[in-house]
């Protein structure tokens, strides 16, 4: 009995040991993800450094200064996805319900948002007066107009999700009396999405028409209920919309939003206001005032007699309010005091540092000058010199903003240097590792216990302590210390013998051109489409010698895909109702037809389940096109299928890599079709078919060439140079198809964007919490299929994936280095520079591909595949007049 127990324990320990070894083999992925997440944090810190968000005292209200506000109530109607040119073109013909009111008693203009163009970011900008992404902000640590309103004795705030709720509240006598007696009321109606499709789509125009008609009805109802002409109204959008109905990036279409401002206290004759609207008959945009979105926060505050929110960074726009000169001066005075208070807080925070005497400080403002400006504005006002007082307030605002910009970017240069050093150190580490893989070297490493690594670690700890003593934010301290850790890791990895880097010029040659392609692709898709066509055609250049029917069909597909990428910005017509539903239906049919054309073999239950869920999805789209909500049972069925599609692959009983690949492609393309809209599913399926046909054409051409030349295969050592070259070729192929799939399916059009229709079959309109997950699944499915194809069809891709992904990291990091070094990061302050989206996405590419490859490993578990890097002598190439042996499959390149 004891022997049996010992035997079972030994088996269990052996199992745990083997599992631990396998996990250790994957530690390099966790290390790479961790480093690249740190690089993402460093990039965000380079573009955005935090300011003081707490310990700020609010200013007095204008009522406390003896000046009654021009409006007792402020009604804010906020939508998402409303474009400036859509609303303002052709004399605002699409805003017919509101145009007459605005021309009579208000103004219209353009509000410029910051990136990322998200609804949550817009809420911070509109009601707090600064740009920020809520998940990255301390919860409850920043002030808003709502807080200022609630802080007053007779203030009230009403936040609603639709106009029906507003009508119900005002129809209730008890509720109406409370609101009627409030001398300071803010009603916020968040109407959410107007988009979901392209601006030319009938559905988009229908939503816009219904929204402004509902707002006009609500305006008439409110005016009839209160009947005192003491209500101000604002109608604006959280963000714009691209031509494909997406948002999230930094294009002008996504950043420029219209606003309508009318009612009590609004100056209809403001400079460049809408009085010029009536003479614009050219069909273009009228000459309307333009301001930053954050400037609406102090303007709304002043209309109801409140000071700006304490974290506001914007200047109150002049001439927008129909008030006395004294009221405007006092409002500007409060704006100046609020900005000076922020500057005072940041200066005091800086002076708490131990080394502040030896560090640079703001030249235009210090605590004494702040006190001077505060006293001077008060003294000039008391003396009746209102013009001078206004000039002093404006000067104080400019100086305070300049000082805030200085301190918000105080660590910019150190962070820039630290980020560059981190990138260079990580690049050196990756090159050293790749050189070792290419030479199959087992040389001993230097290790961490050397004087250089110990000195670097000590310097990093010392710098961290010094910066911490300056009361710098914790993330800033971490970013400044990161390069010391990365370089210690790199030095520890250096071999005791041999050269550090194998063929350094080869690394530069192979990494520089693809990195330039990434930068080019993030700005212009037309040259990128040409690069895609040239790369894939060059890879199958042998097909031109004896062009087969399959080669010609593949070539036609390449031309079709690259032509679509080239003309993509002109393809917004495909997002209209006339084409969108038809293309979506064709895409769903193709999901079923494609495996039949390729003679794939699947079990009957797979065909029945996939056909059934596509039918259910089609019924859900039918409901959406009729303007009805998708039934809950259809949403439940779609969620159930997503779980089935990913889980059934490993438990589906497929025993060969090829059959498992076919099941992966079938299931994931079905999920992609359910998440797609218009042409996106068709493009993804076309790209996958092109990739698989390219592999088949490459094999056929290679076999024909071997047959003509009488060649057979010989077991031969793969040279280090050849290994390095093939690793980069595979990496370039993965990156190329990754970006082609994203561009072609509607993502990352010069910036990161996503379709609102992605979740239409999975979530109701009022629920968007799971939207990021669905978007991530949708954009990663083509890359999952590409990596799965490498796993199943390419021995080199299967055995040397670590080398390939190392090359991917080297290429993407070079692209990130361009944004770190050559972009003026703070040129648009207080708005974020739009290039931050591109920089983060270039870095995020590595994390996404590593995640995809890890999941592909999971999908192919249980199959007899060699996963660990094989010795180079076990890989073969083609040689003549020798007996055949195992072959290297490079067709996945």
Foldseek 3Di string as FASTA:
>chain_A
DVVVVVVVVVVVVVVVVVVVVVVVVCVVLVVLLVLLVLLLLLLVCLQFFDADLAPFDADDFVVVVVDAFLFQEEEEEEEAAAFDLLQFFQLRPLLVLCSVQCLVFHFKFKAFEFAQLDLQQLVCLQFQAFGDRVVVDPPPRHWGLQNQQVVDPLGEEAEEADLVVVVVQCVDPVSVVSVLRRSHYYYYYYPYYLFLFFSVAPSSSVSSNVVSVSVSVSVVVVCVSNVPQRYKYKYKYSWHAARGRKGGFDDPRTGIMMMRIGTGFFQSPAVQTCPQSVVDRPRGGGRHDYYHSSLNQLVVQLNSRHAGILNRLDQNDPPGTPDDLVSVLVNLLSVLLSLLSSLQVLQVLQVQFPCSVVADADPLDDPVVSVVLNVVLVVCVVVVVSVVSSVSSVVSSVSSSVRSLCSRCVCNVLSLVLSLLSLVLLLLQLQLVLLCLLQVDPADFQALPDPVLVVLLVVLVVQLVNVVSSVGDPSVSCSNSNSSVSNSVSNRGAGPDDDRGDPVVVLCVLQVVLLVLLLCCLAAQQVLLVVLLVLLCVLLVLCVVPPDPLNVVLNVLSCVLSVCSNCVSVPSVLRYPVNWLVLLVVLLVCLLVVCVVVVADDDPVLSVLLVVLSVLLNVQVVCVVVVHARDPVNLVSLVVLVVCLLPCLQVVPDAALVNSLVSNSSSLLSNLSSLAIGNLSVSLVSLLVSLVSLLVSSVVSVVVVCVVVQWAWDQAFDHSVNLLVLLSVLLSLLVSQLSSSQSSNPASNSFGIDRPSRCRSNDTPVDCPCVVVSRLSNSCSSSLSLLSCCCRPFLCCQAVVVSNLSSNSSNLSVSLSCCSPPPPSCPPPVHGDSCSRSNSVSSVVSVSNSVSNVSSCVSPPPHPHDRYHDRSSREIDMGGDDDHDDYGRSSSD
